Amino acid sequence: MKPASHHLATCKYCRASIVWCLTSANGRRQPVNYEPDETGNVAVMQGADGKLYVRAVTAARPEIRPGEWQAKPHQATCPARKLPGRSSGSGQRPTSGVRPVPWQR
């Protein structure tokens, strides 16, 4: 099962098709890939209010219930987005082009 086309959105980093879901744990928004994926670790369903809800597929609850489809969170597959906590440099910002100005009173 796929989400309805009116839920379709586009990732601003890689232009991939995604849907925005609310997490069942805390109600935060989470981007999920639009295409269902049998290797995904989340289950998505449409609630009675028409919104999409997502829950984690865990060892305690591995089954996909009727009305749900399995997918991957978009953060796991987005090729253009850097993950937080990963830096590509020494950790210091470059200061080229900055001229110190004396303090004036």
PDB file of N, CA and C in Angstrom:
ATOM      1  N   MET A   1       0.840  -1.186   0.000  1.00  0.00           N
ATOM      2  CA  MET A   1       0.000   0.000   0.000  1.00  0.00           C
ATOM      3  C   MET A   1       0.879   1.242   0.000  1.00  0.00           C
ATOM      4  N   LYS A   2       0.540   2.232  -0.798  1.00  0.00           N
ATOM      5  CA  LYS A   2       1.268   3.498  -0.855  1.00  0.00           C
ATOM      6  C   LYS A   2       0.411   4.613  -0.271  1.00  0.00           C
ATOM      7  N   PRO A   3       1.058   5.659   0.211  1.00  0.00           N
ATOM      8  CA  PRO A   3       0.280   6.801   0.705  1.00  0.00           C
ATOM      9  C   PRO A   3      -0.416   7.519  -0.450  1.00  0.00           C
ATOM     10  N   ALA A   4      -1.470   8.230  -0.122  1.00  0.00           N
ATOM     11  CA  ALA A   4      -2.221   8.985  -1.131  1.00  0.00           C
ATOM     12  C   ALA A   4      -1.340  10.093  -1.707  1.00  0.00           C
ATOM     13  N   SER A   5      -1.623  10.475  -2.938  1.00  0.00           N
ATOM     14  CA  SER A   5      -0.783  11.461  -3.621  1.00  0.00           C
ATOM     15  C   SER A   5      -0.839  12.840  -2.958  1.00  0.00           C
ATOM     16  N   HIS A   6      -1.902  13.153  -2.225  1.00  0.00           N
ATOM     17  CA  HIS A   6      -1.951  14.473  -1.584  1.00  0.00           C
ATOM     18  C   HIS A   6      -0.988  14.565  -0.393  1.00  0.00           C
ATOM     19  N   HIS A   7      -0.417  13.454   0.054  1.00  0.00           N
ATOM     20  CA  HIS A   7       0.594  13.470   1.108  1.00  0.00           C
ATOM     21  C   HIS A   7       1.992  13.660   0.536  1.00  0.00           C
ATOM     22  N   LEU A   8       2.137  13.569  -0.768  1.00  0.00           N
ATOM     23  CA  LEU A   8       3.441  13.613  -1.428  1.00  0.00           C
ATOM     24  C   LEU A   8       4.110  14.970  -1.257  1.00  0.00           C
ATOM     25  N   ALA A   9       5.392  14.940  -0.891  1.00  0.00           N
ATOM     26  CA  ALA A   9       6.220  16.142  -0.767  1.00  0.00           C
ATOM     27  C   ALA A   9       7.568  15.840  -1.412  1.00  0.00           C
ATOM     28  N   THR A  10       8.442  16.833  -1.452  1.00  0.00           N
ATOM     29  CA  THR A  10       9.762  16.671  -2.057  1.00  0.00           C
ATOM     30  C   THR A  10      10.831  17.094  -1.063  1.00  0.00           C
ATOM     31  N   CYS A  11      11.890  16.299  -0.958  1.00  0.00           N
ATOM     32  CA  CYS A  11      13.028  16.636  -0.103  1.00  0.00           C
ATOM     33  C   CYS A  11      13.724  17.860  -0.689  1.00  0.00           C
ATOM     34  N   LYS A  12      13.985  18.868   0.139  1.00  0.00           N
ATOM     35  CA  LYS A  12      14.615  20.084  -0.375  1.00  0.00           C
ATOM     36  C   LYS A  12      16.101  19.894  -0.644  1.00  0.00           C
ATOM     37  N   TYR A  13      16.693  18.804  -0.169  1.00  0.00           N
ATOM     38  CA  TYR A  13      18.109  18.551  -0.388  1.00  0.00           C
ATOM     39  C   TYR A  13      18.376  17.722  -1.643  1.00  0.00           C
ATOM     40  N   CYS A  14      17.596  16.641  -1.832  1.00  0.00           N
ATOM     41  CA  CYS A  14      17.882  15.725  -2.939  1.00  0.00           C
ATOM     42  C   CYS A  14      16.726  15.600  -3.929  1.00  0.00           C
ATOM     43  N   ARG A  15      15.613  16.291  -3.675  1.00  0.00           N
ATOM     44  CA  ARG A  15      14.441  16.305  -4.562  1.00  0.00           C
ATOM     45  C   ARG A  15      13.736  14.948  -4.663  1.00  0.00           C
ATOM     46  N   ALA A  16      13.957  14.056  -3.713  1.00  0.00           N
ATOM     47  CA  ALA A  16      13.298  12.753  -3.700  1.00  0.00           C
ATOM     48  C   ALA A  16      11.862  12.905  -3.191  1.00  0.00           C
ATOM     49  N   SER A  17      11.009  11.971  -3.554  1.00  0.00           N
ATOM     50  CA  SER A  17       9.621  11.967  -3.096  1.00  0.00           C
ATOM     51  C   SER A  17       9.559  11.433  -1.669  1.00  0.00           C
ATOM     52  N   ILE A  18       8.940  12.210  -0.785  1.00  0.00           N
ATOM     53  CA  ILE A  18       8.798  11.824   0.621  1.00  0.00           C
ATOM     54  C   ILE A  18       7.374  12.109   1.080  1.00  0.00           C
ATOM     55  N   VAL A  19       7.034  11.607   2.253  1.00  0.00           N
ATOM     56  CA  VAL A  19       5.805  11.973   2.952  1.00  0.00           C
ATOM     57  C   VAL A  19       6.193  12.373   4.362  1.00  0.00           C
ATOM     58  N   TRP A  20       5.476  13.342   4.914  1.00  0.00           N
ATOM     59  CA  TRP A  20       5.704  13.764   6.289  1.00  0.00           C
ATOM     60  C   TRP A  20       4.733  13.017   7.177  1.00  0.00           C
ATOM     61  N   CYS A  21       5.255  12.398   8.225  1.00  0.00           N
ATOM     62  CA  CYS A  21       4.440  11.629   9.156  1.00  0.00           C
ATOM     63  C   CYS A  21       4.635  12.175  10.567  1.00  0.00           C
ATOM     64  N   LEU A  22       3.687  11.871  11.432  1.00  0.00           N
ATOM     65  CA  LEU A  22       3.822  12.191  12.849  1.00  0.00           C
ATOM     66  C   LEU A  22       4.235  10.917  13.565  1.00  0.00           C
ATOM     67  N   THR A  23       5.242  11.017  14.435  1.00  0.00           N
ATOM     68  CA  THR A  23       5.691   9.836  15.156  1.00  0.00           C
ATOM     69  C   THR A  23       4.680   9.470  16.227  1.00  0.00           C
ATOM     70  N   SER A  24       4.480   8.170  16.410  1.00  0.00           N
ATOM     71  CA  SER A  24       3.516   7.724  17.417  1.00  0.00           C
ATOM     72  C   SER A  24       4.088   7.897  18.826  1.00  0.00           C
ATOM     73  N   ALA A  25       5.414   7.979  18.942  1.00  0.00           N
ATOM     74  CA  ALA A  25       6.036   8.106  20.258  1.00  0.00           C
ATOM     75  C   ALA A  25       5.858   9.500  20.858  1.00  0.00           C
ATOM     76  N   ASN A  26       6.103  10.559  20.050  1.00  0.00           N
ATOM     77  CA  ASN A  26       6.059  11.908  20.623  1.00  0.00           C
ATOM     78  C   ASN A  26       5.371  12.944  19.741  1.00  0.00           C
ATOM     79  N   GLY A  27       4.811  12.537  18.609  1.00  0.00           N
ATOM     80  CA  GLY A  27       4.066  13.457  17.761  1.00  0.00           C
ATOM     81  C   GLY A  27       4.907  14.396  16.930  1.00  0.00           C
ATOM     82  N   ARG A  28       6.215  14.138  16.813  1.00  0.00           N
ATOM     83  CA  ARG A  28       7.067  14.992  15.985  1.00  0.00           C
ATOM     84  C   ARG A  28       6.961  14.579  14.525  1.00  0.00           C
ATOM     85  N   ARG A  29       7.263  15.529  13.641  1.00  0.00           N
ATOM     86  CA  ARG A  29       7.231  15.259  12.202  1.00  0.00           C
ATOM     87  C   ARG A  29       8.492  14.515  11.774  1.00  0.00           C
ATOM     88  N   GLN A  30       8.309  13.517  10.915  1.00  0.00           N
ATOM     89  CA  GLN A  30       9.436  12.736  10.418  1.00  0.00           C
ATOM     90  C   GLN A  30       9.242  12.503   8.923  1.00  0.00           C
ATOM     91  N   PRO A  31      10.264  12.802   8.110  1.00  0.00           N
ATOM     92  CA  PRO A  31      10.154  12.506   6.685  1.00  0.00           C
ATOM     93  C   PRO A  31      10.415  11.025   6.435  1.00  0.00           C
ATOM     94  N   VAL A  32       9.566  10.420   5.602  1.00  0.00           N
ATOM     95  CA  VAL A  32       9.672   9.004   5.263  1.00  0.00           C
ATOM     96  C   VAL A  32       9.649   8.896   3.753  1.00  0.00           C
ATOM     97  N   ASN A  33      10.423   7.974   3.195  1.00  0.00           N
ATOM     98  CA  ASN A  33      10.422   7.770   1.748  1.00  0.00           C
ATOM     99  C   ASN A  33       9.022   7.420   1.269  1.00  0.00           C
ATOM    100  N   TYR A  34       8.644   7.958   0.122  1.00  0.00           N
ATOM    101  CA  TYR A  34       7.308   7.753  -0.435  1.00  0.00           C
ATOM    102  C   TYR A  34       7.084   6.298  -0.852  1.00  0.00           C
ATOM    103  N   GLU A  35       8.122   5.672  -1.394  1.00  0.00           N
ATOM    104  CA  GLU A  35       7.997   4.295  -1.871  1.00  0.00           C
ATOM    105  C   GLU A  35       8.090   3.320  -0.700  1.00  0.00           C
ATOM    106  N   PRO A  36       7.174   2.363  -0.601  1.00  0.00           N
ATOM    107  CA  PRO A  36       7.288   1.321   0.427  1.00  0.00           C
ATOM    108  C   PRO A  36       8.568   0.513   0.221  1.00  0.00           C
ATOM    109  N   ASP A  37       9.124   0.025   1.314  1.00  0.00           N
ATOM    110  CA  ASP A  37      10.373  -0.729   1.264  1.00  0.00           C
ATOM    111  C   ASP A  37      10.305  -1.853   2.298  1.00  0.00           C
ATOM    112  N   GLU A  38      10.435  -3.087   1.841  1.00  0.00           N
ATOM    113  CA  GLU A  38      10.339  -4.240   2.741  1.00  0.00           C
ATOM    114  C   GLU A  38      11.512  -4.329   3.708  1.00  0.00           C
ATOM    115  N   THR A  39      12.600  -3.604   3.450  1.00  0.00           N
ATOM    116  CA  THR A  39      13.741  -3.606   4.357  1.00  0.00           C
ATOM    117  C   THR A  39      13.690  -2.430   5.334  1.00  0.00           C
ATOM    118  N   GLY A  40      12.636  -1.633   5.277  1.00  0.00           N
ATOM    119  CA  GLY A  40      12.516  -0.458   6.139  1.00  0.00           C
ATOM    120  C   GLY A  40      12.290  -0.820   7.587  1.00  0.00           C
ATOM    121  N   ASN A  41      12.558   0.137   8.468  1.00  0.00           N
ATOM    122  CA  ASN A  41      12.403  -0.112   9.898  1.00  0.00           C
ATOM    123  C   ASN A  41      11.294   0.716  10.530  1.00  0.00           C
ATOM    124  N   VAL A  42      10.389   1.267   9.699  1.00  0.00           N
ATOM    125  CA  VAL A  42       9.226   1.978  10.222  1.00  0.00           C
ATOM    126  C   VAL A  42       7.969   1.484   9.520  1.00  0.00           C
ATOM    127  N   ALA A  43       6.862   1.577  10.224  1.00  0.00           N
ATOM    128  CA  ALA A  43       5.562   1.240   9.661  1.00  0.00           C
ATOM    129  C   ALA A  43       4.726   2.515   9.623  1.00  0.00           C
ATOM    130  N   VAL A  44       4.102   2.778   8.480  1.00  0.00           N
ATOM    131  CA  VAL A  44       3.330   4.005   8.273  1.00  0.00           C
ATOM    132  C   VAL A  44       1.869   3.633   8.090  1.00  0.00           C
ATOM    133  N   MET A  45       0.983   4.413   8.675  1.00  0.00           N
ATOM    134  CA  MET A  45      -0.452   4.214   8.479  1.00  0.00           C
ATOM    135  C   MET A  45      -1.163   5.555   8.460  1.00  0.00           C
ATOM    136  N   GLN A  46      -2.311   5.576   7.818  1.00  0.00           N
ATOM    137  CA  GLN A  46      -3.113   6.794   7.790  1.00  0.00           C
ATOM    138  C   GLN A  46      -4.150   6.693   8.889  1.00  0.00           C
ATOM    139  N   GLY A  47      -4.195   7.710   9.729  1.00  0.00           N
ATOM    140  CA  GLY A  47      -5.136   7.732  10.832  1.00  0.00           C
ATOM    141  C   GLY A  47      -6.531   8.154  10.376  1.00  0.00           C
ATOM    142  N   ALA A  48      -7.474   8.078  11.272  1.00  0.00           N
ATOM    143  CA  ALA A  48      -8.857   8.462  10.982  1.00  0.00           C
ATOM    144  C   ALA A  48      -8.973   9.950  10.652  1.00  0.00           C
ATOM    145  N   ASP A  49      -8.013  10.754  11.128  1.00  0.00           N
ATOM    146  CA  ASP A  49      -8.008  12.188  10.854  1.00  0.00           C
ATOM    147  C   ASP A  49      -7.375  12.531   9.515  1.00  0.00           C
ATOM    148  N   GLY A  50      -6.895  11.514   8.763  1.00  0.00           N
ATOM    149  CA  GLY A  50      -6.309  11.735   7.454  1.00  0.00           C
ATOM    150  C   GLY A  50      -4.807  11.986   7.482  1.00  0.00           C
ATOM    151  N   LYS A  51      -4.218  12.100   8.661  1.00  0.00           N
ATOM    152  CA  LYS A  51      -2.779  12.321   8.784  1.00  0.00           C
ATOM    153  C   LYS A  51      -2.050  10.991   8.767  1.00  0.00           C
ATOM    154  N   LEU A  52      -0.771  11.023   8.367  1.00  0.00           N
ATOM    155  CA  LEU A  52       0.054   9.831   8.365  1.00  0.00           C
ATOM    156  C   LEU A  52       0.799   9.728   9.690  1.00  0.00           C
ATOM    157  N   TYR A  53       0.836   8.523  10.236  1.00  0.00           N
ATOM    158  CA  TYR A  53       1.526   8.255  11.487  1.00  0.00           C
ATOM    159  C   TYR A  53       2.578   7.181  11.245  1.00  0.00           C
ATOM    160  N   VAL A  54       3.700   7.281  11.941  1.00  0.00           N
ATOM    161  CA  VAL A  54       4.800   6.337  11.776  1.00  0.00           C
ATOM    162  C   VAL A  54       5.187   5.785  13.142  1.00  0.00           C
ATOM    163  N   ARG A  55       5.526   4.500  13.138  1.00  0.00           N
ATOM    164  CA  ARG A  55       6.031   3.861  14.354  1.00  0.00           C
ATOM    165  C   ARG A  55       7.230   3.014  13.977  1.00  0.00           C
ATOM    166  N   ALA A  56       8.101   2.766  14.920  1.00  0.00           N
ATOM    167  CA  ALA A  56       9.288   1.945  14.671  1.00  0.00           C
ATOM    168  C   ALA A  56       8.889   0.477  14.632  1.00  0.00           C
ATOM    169  N   VAL A  57       9.492  -0.270  13.716  1.00  0.00           N
ATOM    170  CA  VAL A  57       9.335  -1.719  13.680  1.00  0.00           C
ATOM    171  C   VAL A  57      10.467  -2.274  14.526  1.00  0.00           C
ATOM    172  N   THR A  58      10.109  -2.871  15.657  1.00  0.00           N
ATOM    173  CA  THR A  58      11.105  -3.355  16.610  1.00  0.00           C
ATOM    174  C   THR A  58      10.979  -4.860  16.788  1.00  0.00           C
ATOM    175  N   ALA A  59      11.905  -5.429  17.537  1.00  0.00           N
ATOM    176  CA  ALA A  59      11.838  -6.859  17.830  1.00  0.00           C
ATOM    177  C   ALA A  59      10.602  -7.187  18.650  1.00  0.00           C
ATOM    178  N   ALA A  60      10.169  -6.244  19.486  1.00  0.00           N
ATOM    179  CA  ALA A  60       8.974  -6.466  20.294  1.00  0.00           C
ATOM    180  C   ALA A  60       7.697  -6.380  19.458  1.00  0.00           C
ATOM    181  N   ARG A  61       7.717  -5.542  18.408  1.00  0.00           N
ATOM    182  CA  ARG A  61       6.543  -5.394  17.526  1.00  0.00           C
ATOM    183  C   ARG A  61       6.999  -5.427  16.063  1.00  0.00           C
ATOM    184  N   PRO A  62       7.402  -6.609  15.572  1.00  0.00           N
ATOM    185  CA  PRO A  62       7.942  -6.695  14.214  1.00  0.00           C
ATOM    186  C   PRO A  62       6.885  -6.813  13.115  1.00  0.00           C
ATOM    187  N   GLU A  63       5.652  -7.110  13.486  1.00  0.00           N
ATOM    188  CA  GLU A  63       4.625  -7.361  12.478  1.00  0.00           C
ATOM    189  C   GLU A  63       4.083  -6.061  11.874  1.00  0.00           C
ATOM    190  N   ILE A  64       3.744  -6.137  10.597  1.00  0.00           N
ATOM    191  CA  ILE A  64       3.094  -5.019   9.917  1.00  0.00           C
ATOM    192  C   ILE A  64       1.595  -5.321   9.938  1.00  0.00           C
ATOM    193  N   ARG A  65       0.836  -4.449  10.543  1.00  0.00           N
ATOM    194  CA  ARG A  65      -0.607  -4.665  10.702  1.00  0.00           C
ATOM    195  C   ARG A  65      -1.363  -4.296   9.429  1.00  0.00           C
ATOM    196  N   PRO A  66      -2.584  -4.769   9.294  1.00  0.00           N
ATOM    197  CA  PRO A  66      -3.398  -4.367   8.132  1.00  0.00           C
ATOM    198  C   PRO A  66      -3.567  -2.848   8.100  1.00  0.00           C
ATOM    199  N   GLY A  67      -3.410  -2.261   6.926  1.00  0.00           N
ATOM    200  CA  GLY A  67      -3.511  -0.816   6.772  1.00  0.00           C
ATOM    201  C   GLY A  67      -2.180  -0.098   6.916  1.00  0.00           C
ATOM    202  N   GLU A  68      -1.133  -0.808   7.309  1.00  0.00           N
ATOM    203  CA  GLU A  68       0.189  -0.216   7.435  1.00  0.00           C
ATOM    204  C   GLU A  68       1.046  -0.626   6.247  1.00  0.00           C
ATOM    205  N   TRP A  69       2.081   0.150   5.959  1.00  0.00           N
ATOM    206  CA  TRP A  69       3.080  -0.258   4.983  1.00  0.00           C
ATOM    207  C   TRP A  69       4.446   0.054   5.560  1.00  0.00           C
ATOM    208  N   GLN A  70       5.426  -0.741   5.161  1.00  0.00           N
ATOM    209  CA  GLN A  70       6.779  -0.637   5.674  1.00  0.00           C
ATOM    210  C   GLN A  70       7.589   0.297   4.788  1.00  0.00           C
ATOM    211  N   ALA A  71       8.381   1.155   5.397  1.00  0.00           N
ATOM    212  CA  ALA A  71       9.178   2.134   4.651  1.00  0.00           C
ATOM    213  C   ALA A  71      10.451   2.444   5.423  1.00  0.00           C
ATOM    214  N   LYS A  72      11.280   3.315   4.819  1.00  0.00           N
ATOM    215  CA  LYS A  72      12.508   3.767   5.471  1.00  0.00           C
ATOM    216  C   LYS A  72      12.403   5.252   5.776  1.00  0.00           C
ATOM    217  N   PRO A  73      12.953   5.691   6.921  1.00  0.00           N
ATOM    218  CA  PRO A  73      13.033   7.122   7.179  1.00  0.00           C
ATOM    219  C   PRO A  73      13.928   7.763   6.119  1.00  0.00           C
ATOM    220  N   HIS A  74      13.565   8.954   5.666  1.00  0.00           N
ATOM    221  CA  HIS A  74      14.316   9.569   4.582  1.00  0.00           C
ATOM    222  C   HIS A  74      15.723   9.975   5.011  1.00  0.00           C
ATOM    223  N   GLN A  75      15.933  10.277   6.278  1.00  0.00           N
ATOM    224  CA  GLN A  75      17.267  10.645   6.741  1.00  0.00           C
ATOM    225  C   GLN A  75      18.268   9.519   6.485  1.00  0.00           C
ATOM    226  N   ALA A  76      17.811   8.282   6.475  1.00  0.00           N
ATOM    227  CA  ALA A  76      18.702   7.137   6.278  1.00  0.00           C
ATOM    228  C   ALA A  76      19.133   6.981   4.825  1.00  0.00           C
ATOM    229  N   THR A  77      18.392   7.558   3.891  1.00  0.00           N
ATOM    230  CA  THR A  77      18.678   7.339   2.471  1.00  0.00           C
ATOM    231  C   THR A  77      18.994   8.616   1.696  1.00  0.00           C
ATOM    232  N   CYS A  78      18.861   9.773   2.294  1.00  0.00           N
ATOM    233  CA  CYS A  78      19.085  11.037   1.585  1.00  0.00           C
ATOM    234  C   CYS A  78      20.572  11.192   1.268  1.00  0.00           C
ATOM    235  N   PRO A  79      20.941  11.229  -0.016  1.00  0.00           N
ATOM    236  CA  PRO A  79      22.354  11.333  -0.366  1.00  0.00           C
ATOM    237  C   PRO A  79      22.925  12.733  -0.185  1.00  0.00           C
ATOM    238  N   ALA A  80      22.080  13.740  -0.111  1.00  0.00           N
ATOM    239  CA  ALA A  80      22.560  15.119  -0.095  1.00  0.00           C
ATOM    240  C   ALA A  80      22.678  15.709   1.303  1.00  0.00           C
ATOM    241  N   ARG A  81      22.067  15.097   2.267  1.00  0.00           N
ATOM    242  CA  ARG A  81      22.024  15.686   3.596  1.00  0.00           C
ATOM    243  C   ARG A  81      23.109  15.121   4.487  1.00  0.00           C
ATOM    244  N   LYS A  82      23.840  16.004   5.149  1.00  0.00           N
ATOM    245  CA  LYS A  82      24.849  15.568   6.096  1.00  0.00           C
ATOM    246  C   LYS A  82      24.175  15.281   7.429  1.00  0.00           C
ATOM    247  N   LEU A  83      24.602  14.228   8.066  1.00  0.00           N
ATOM    248  CA  LEU A  83      24.037  13.875   9.359  1.00  0.00           C
ATOM    249  C   LEU A  83      24.648  14.744  10.448  1.00  0.00           C
ATOM    250  N   PRO A  84      23.876  15.148  11.451  1.00  0.00           N
ATOM    251  CA  PRO A  84      24.419  15.961  12.531  1.00  0.00           C
ATOM    252  C   PRO A  84      25.491  15.186  13.294  1.00  0.00           C
ATOM    253  N   GLY A  85      26.496  15.912  13.756  1.00  0.00           N
ATOM    254  CA  GLY A  85      27.552  15.283  14.524  1.00  0.00           C
ATOM    255  C   GLY A  85      28.725  14.823  13.684  1.00  0.00           C
ATOM    256  N   ARG A  86      28.581  14.868  12.383  1.00  0.00           N
ATOM    257  CA  ARG A  86      29.682  14.479  11.508  1.00  0.00           C
ATOM    258  C   ARG A  86      30.250  15.736  10.873  1.00  0.00           C
ATOM    259  N   SER A  87      31.517  15.984  11.120  1.00  0.00           N
ATOM    260  CA  SER A  87      32.137  17.157  10.522  1.00  0.00           C
ATOM    261  C   SER A  87      33.203  16.704   9.545  1.00  0.00           C
ATOM    262  N   SER A  88      33.440  17.518   8.544  1.00  0.00           N
ATOM    263  CA  SER A  88      34.422  17.151   7.531  1.00  0.00           C
ATOM    264  C   SER A  88      35.734  17.901   7.720  1.00  0.00           C
ATOM    265  N   GLY A  89      35.840  18.669   8.785  1.00  0.00           N
ATOM    266  CA  GLY A  89      37.049  19.463   8.981  1.00  0.00           C
ATOM    267  C   GLY A  89      37.634  19.269  10.352  1.00  0.00           C
ATOM    268  N   SER A  90      38.468  20.226  10.737  1.00  0.00           N
ATOM    269  CA  SER A  90      39.147  20.137  12.024  1.00  0.00           C
ATOM    270  C   SER A  90      38.266  20.613  13.172  1.00  0.00           C
ATOM    271  N   GLY A  91      37.097  21.115  12.867  1.00  0.00           N
ATOM    272  CA  GLY A  91      36.206  21.605  13.903  1.00  0.00           C
ATOM    273  C   GLY A  91      36.277  23.103  14.090  1.00  0.00           C
ATOM    274  N   GLN A  92      37.261  23.755  13.483  1.00  0.00           N
ATOM    275  CA  GLN A  92      37.380  25.199  13.593  1.00  0.00           C
ATOM    276  C   GLN A  92      36.871  25.844  12.317  1.00  0.00           C
ATOM    277  N   ARG A  93      36.208  26.961  12.481  1.00  0.00           N
ATOM    278  CA  ARG A  93      35.702  27.674  11.316  1.00  0.00           C
ATOM    279  C   ARG A  93      36.818  28.469  10.672  1.00  0.00           C
ATOM    280  N   PRO A  94      36.814  28.589   9.357  1.00  0.00           N
ATOM    281  CA  PRO A  94      37.833  29.401   8.699  1.00  0.00           C
ATOM    282  C   PRO A  94      37.610  30.874   9.010  1.00  0.00           C
ATOM    283  N   THR A  95      38.702  31.611   9.156  1.00  0.00           N
ATOM    284  CA  THR A  95      38.605  33.029   9.482  1.00  0.00           C
ATOM    285  C   THR A  95      39.164  33.902   8.369  1.00  0.00           C
ATOM    286  N   SER A  96      39.310  33.370   7.189  1.00  0.00           N
ATOM    287  CA  SER A  96      39.848  34.179   6.096  1.00  0.00           C
ATOM    288  C   SER A  96      38.866  35.282   5.734  1.00  0.00           C
ATOM    289  N   GLY A  97      39.403  36.457   5.483  1.00  0.00           N
ATOM    290  CA  GLY A  97      38.563  37.580   5.098  1.00  0.00           C
ATOM    291  C   GLY A  97      38.019  38.366   6.268  1.00  0.00           C
ATOM    292  N   VAL A  98      38.350  37.973   7.479  1.00  0.00           N
ATOM    293  CA  VAL A  98      37.868  38.691   8.655  1.00  0.00           C
ATOM    294  C   VAL A  98      38.985  39.577   9.162  1.00  0.00           C
ATOM    295  N   ARG A  99      38.684  40.873   9.279  1.00  0.00           N
ATOM    296  CA  ARG A  99      39.672  41.829   9.738  1.00  0.00           C
ATOM    297  C   ARG A  99      39.322  42.242  11.153  1.00  0.00           C
ATOM    298  N   PRO A 100      40.254  42.077  12.097  1.00  0.00           N
ATOM    299  CA  PRO A 100      39.935  42.490  13.469  1.00  0.00           C
ATOM    300  C   PRO A 100      39.779  44.004  13.562  1.00  0.00           C
ATOM    301  N   VAL A 101      38.812  44.422  14.297  1.00  0.00           N
ATOM    302  CA  VAL A 101      38.551  45.852  14.489  1.00  0.00           C
ATOM    303  C   VAL A 101      38.866  46.183  15.937  1.00  0.00           C
ATOM    304  N   PRO A 102      39.639  47.274  16.163  1.00  0.00           N
ATOM    305  CA  PRO A 102      39.950  47.625  17.550  1.00  0.00           C
ATOM    306  C   PRO A 102      38.679  48.062  18.293  1.00  0.00           C
ATOM    307  N   TRP A 103      38.658  47.774  19.569  1.00  0.00           N
ATOM    308  CA  TRP A 103      37.516  48.144  20.396  1.00  0.00           C
ATOM    309  C   TRP A 103      37.498  49.658  20.575  1.00  0.00           C
ATOM    310  N   GLN A 104      36.328  50.249  20.367  1.00  0.00           N
ATOM    311  CA  GLN A 104      36.208  51.711  20.505  1.00  0.00           C
ATOM    312  C   GLN A 104      35.201  52.027  21.564  1.00  0.00           C
ATOM    313  N   ARG A 105      35.488  53.096  22.303  1.00  0.00           N
ATOM    314  CA  ARG A 105      34.549  53.547  23.315  1.00  0.00           C
ATOM    315  C   ARG A 105      33.914  54.808  22.905  1.00  0.00           C
TER     316      ARG A 105
END
